[in-house]
Amino acid sequence: MAPIAVGDVVPKGSISFFDENDQLQTVSVHSLAAGKKVILFGVPGAFTPTCRNI
């Protein structure tokens, strides 16, 4: 996959989260970002090899 650059369209994908009633919700990344400026970043998971070797 090519790196994401300024001005690119956000890739297809979904985000799942628990709402205030502990119900699992899933939304598309594209619908959240449509018509907006978005900052996309990633963080390695705690206690994973990537995190421990930094």
N, C-alpha and C. Protein backbone atom coordinates (compact mmCIF):
# COMPACT_ATOMS: atom_id res chain seq x y z
N MET A 1 0.85 -1.18 0.00
CA MET A 1 0.00 0.00 0.00
C MET A 1 0.89 1.24 0.00
N ALA A 2 0.57 2.18 -0.85
CA ALA A 2 1.33 3.42 -0.95
C ALA A 2 1.07 4.31 0.27
N PRO A 3 2.05 5.10 0.66
CA PRO A 3 1.83 6.04 1.78
C PRO A 3 0.70 7.02 1.45
N ILE A 4 0.05 7.49 2.47
CA ILE A 4 -1.01 8.49 2.31
C ILE A 4 -0.35 9.86 2.26
N ALA A 5 -0.77 10.68 1.32
CA ALA A 5 -0.20 12.02 1.16
C ALA A 5 -1.27 13.07 1.40
N VAL A 6 -0.82 14.29 1.66
CA VAL A 6 -1.74 15.41 1.84
C VAL A 6 -2.63 15.52 0.61
N GLY A 7 -3.93 15.62 0.83
CA GLY A 7 -4.89 15.75 -0.25
C GLY A 7 -5.48 14.45 -0.75
N ASP A 8 -4.93 13.30 -0.31
CA ASP A 8 -5.47 12.00 -0.71
C ASP A 8 -6.84 11.76 -0.08
N VAL A 9 -7.64 10.93 -0.73
CA VAL A 9 -8.91 10.49 -0.16
C VAL A 9 -8.61 9.43 0.90
N VAL A 10 -9.31 9.49 2.01
CA VAL A 10 -9.10 8.52 3.09
C VAL A 10 -9.44 7.12 2.58
N PRO A 11 -8.57 6.13 2.85
CA PRO A 11 -8.83 4.77 2.38
C PRO A 11 -10.11 4.19 2.98
N LYS A 12 -10.68 3.21 2.27
CA LYS A 12 -11.87 2.53 2.79
C LYS A 12 -11.48 1.76 4.04
N GLY A 13 -12.36 1.74 4.99
CA GLY A 13 -12.13 1.02 6.24
C GLY A 13 -13.24 1.34 7.21
N SER A 14 -13.21 0.70 8.35
CA SER A 14 -14.23 0.97 9.36
C SER A 14 -13.59 1.04 10.73
N ILE A 15 -14.29 1.70 11.62
CA ILE A 15 -13.87 1.84 13.02
C ILE A 15 -15.01 1.32 13.88
N SER A 16 -14.67 0.47 14.83
CA SER A 16 -15.66 -0.04 15.78
C SER A 16 -15.36 0.52 17.16
N PHE A 17 -16.41 0.85 17.88
CA PHE A 17 -16.25 1.40 19.23
C PHE A 17 -17.49 1.09 20.04
N PHE A 18 -17.36 1.17 21.34
CA PHE A 18 -18.51 0.99 22.23
C PHE A 18 -19.05 2.36 22.59
N ASP A 19 -20.35 2.55 22.40
CA ASP A 19 -20.97 3.83 22.72
C ASP A 19 -21.24 3.94 24.22
N GLU A 20 -21.90 5.03 24.60
CA GLU A 20 -22.16 5.28 26.02
C GLU A 20 -23.06 4.23 26.67
N ASN A 21 -23.77 3.43 25.86
CA ASN A 21 -24.63 2.36 26.38
C ASN A 21 -23.98 0.99 26.24
N ASP A 22 -22.65 0.98 26.01
CA ASP A 22 -21.88 -0.26 25.84
C ASP A 22 -22.36 -1.10 24.67
N GLN A 23 -22.92 -0.45 23.65
CA GLN A 23 -23.31 -1.13 22.42
C GLN A 23 -22.21 -0.93 21.38
N LEU A 24 -21.84 -2.01 20.70
CA LEU A 24 -20.81 -1.92 19.68
C LEU A 24 -21.35 -1.19 18.46
N GLN A 25 -20.66 -0.15 18.05
CA GLN A 25 -21.03 0.64 16.88
C GLN A 25 -19.89 0.53 15.86
N THR A 26 -20.23 0.48 14.58
CA THR A 26 -19.24 0.45 13.51
C THR A 26 -19.60 1.52 12.49
N VAL A 27 -18.64 2.35 12.14
CA VAL A 27 -18.85 3.40 11.16
C VAL A 27 -17.73 3.35 10.13
N SER A 28 -18.02 3.79 8.91
CA SER A 28 -16.98 3.81 7.88
C SER A 28 -16.10 5.04 8.07
N VAL A 29 -14.82 4.86 7.84
CA VAL A 29 -13.87 5.96 7.94
C VAL A 29 -14.23 7.03 6.92
N HIS A 30 -14.63 6.61 5.72
CA HIS A 30 -14.97 7.56 4.67
C HIS A 30 -16.14 8.46 5.09
N SER A 31 -17.17 7.89 5.73
CA SER A 31 -18.32 8.71 6.14
C SER A 31 -17.94 9.69 7.24
N LEU A 32 -17.00 9.31 8.11
CA LEU A 32 -16.56 10.23 9.16
C LEU A 32 -15.74 11.38 8.59
N ALA A 33 -14.98 11.10 7.52
CA ALA A 33 -14.07 12.09 6.96
C ALA A 33 -14.65 12.90 5.81
N ALA A 34 -15.79 12.50 5.27
CA ALA A 34 -16.35 13.15 4.08
C ALA A 34 -16.51 14.66 4.30
N GLY A 35 -15.90 15.43 3.43
CA GLY A 35 -16.03 16.89 3.48
C GLY A 35 -15.26 17.55 4.60
N LYS A 36 -14.35 16.82 5.26
CA LYS A 36 -13.60 17.37 6.39
C LYS A 36 -12.11 17.22 6.15
N LYS A 37 -11.33 18.00 6.87
CA LYS A 37 -9.89 17.81 6.91
C LYS A 37 -9.61 16.86 8.07
N VAL A 38 -8.78 15.86 7.81
CA VAL A 38 -8.54 14.81 8.80
C VAL A 38 -7.05 14.64 9.03
N ILE A 39 -6.68 14.42 10.27
CA ILE A 39 -5.31 14.04 10.61
C ILE A 39 -5.35 12.57 10.97
N LEU A 40 -4.56 11.77 10.27
CA LEU A 40 -4.54 10.33 10.48
C LEU A 40 -3.20 9.95 11.09
N PHE A 41 -3.22 9.24 12.22
CA PHE A 41 -1.97 8.82 12.86
C PHE A 41 -2.16 7.44 13.45
N GLY A 42 -1.07 6.78 13.73
CA GLY A 42 -1.12 5.44 14.31
C GLY A 42 -0.20 5.36 15.52
N VAL A 43 -0.54 4.49 16.43
CA VAL A 43 0.23 4.27 17.65
C VAL A 43 0.42 2.78 17.81
N PRO A 44 1.65 2.30 18.05
CA PRO A 44 1.83 0.86 18.25
C PRO A 44 1.12 0.41 19.52
N GLY A 45 0.66 -0.83 19.52
CA GLY A 45 -0.01 -1.39 20.69
C GLY A 45 0.96 -1.56 21.85
N ALA A 46 0.50 -1.31 23.04
CA ALA A 46 1.33 -1.48 24.23
C ALA A 46 1.81 -2.91 24.35
N PHE A 47 3.07 -3.08 24.72
CA PHE A 47 3.69 -4.38 24.98
C PHE A 47 3.84 -5.25 23.73
N THR A 48 3.69 -4.66 22.54
CA THR A 48 3.95 -5.40 21.30
C THR A 48 5.43 -5.25 20.96
N PRO A 49 5.97 -6.12 20.11
CA PRO A 49 7.39 -5.99 19.75
C PRO A 49 7.74 -4.61 19.18
N THR A 50 6.85 -4.05 18.38
CA THR A 50 7.11 -2.72 17.81
C THR A 50 7.24 -1.69 18.91
N CYS A 51 6.39 -1.75 19.90
CA CYS A 51 6.41 -0.78 21.00
C CYS A 51 7.66 -0.96 21.86
N ARG A 52 8.03 -2.19 22.16
CA ARG A 52 9.16 -2.45 23.05
C ARG A 52 10.50 -2.15 22.42
N ASN A 53 10.59 -2.18 21.09
CA ASN A 53 11.87 -1.98 20.42
C ASN A 53 12.13 -0.55 20.00
N ILE A 54 11.26 0.36 20.37
CA ILE A 54 11.45 1.77 20.00
C ILE A 54 12.39 2.43 20.99
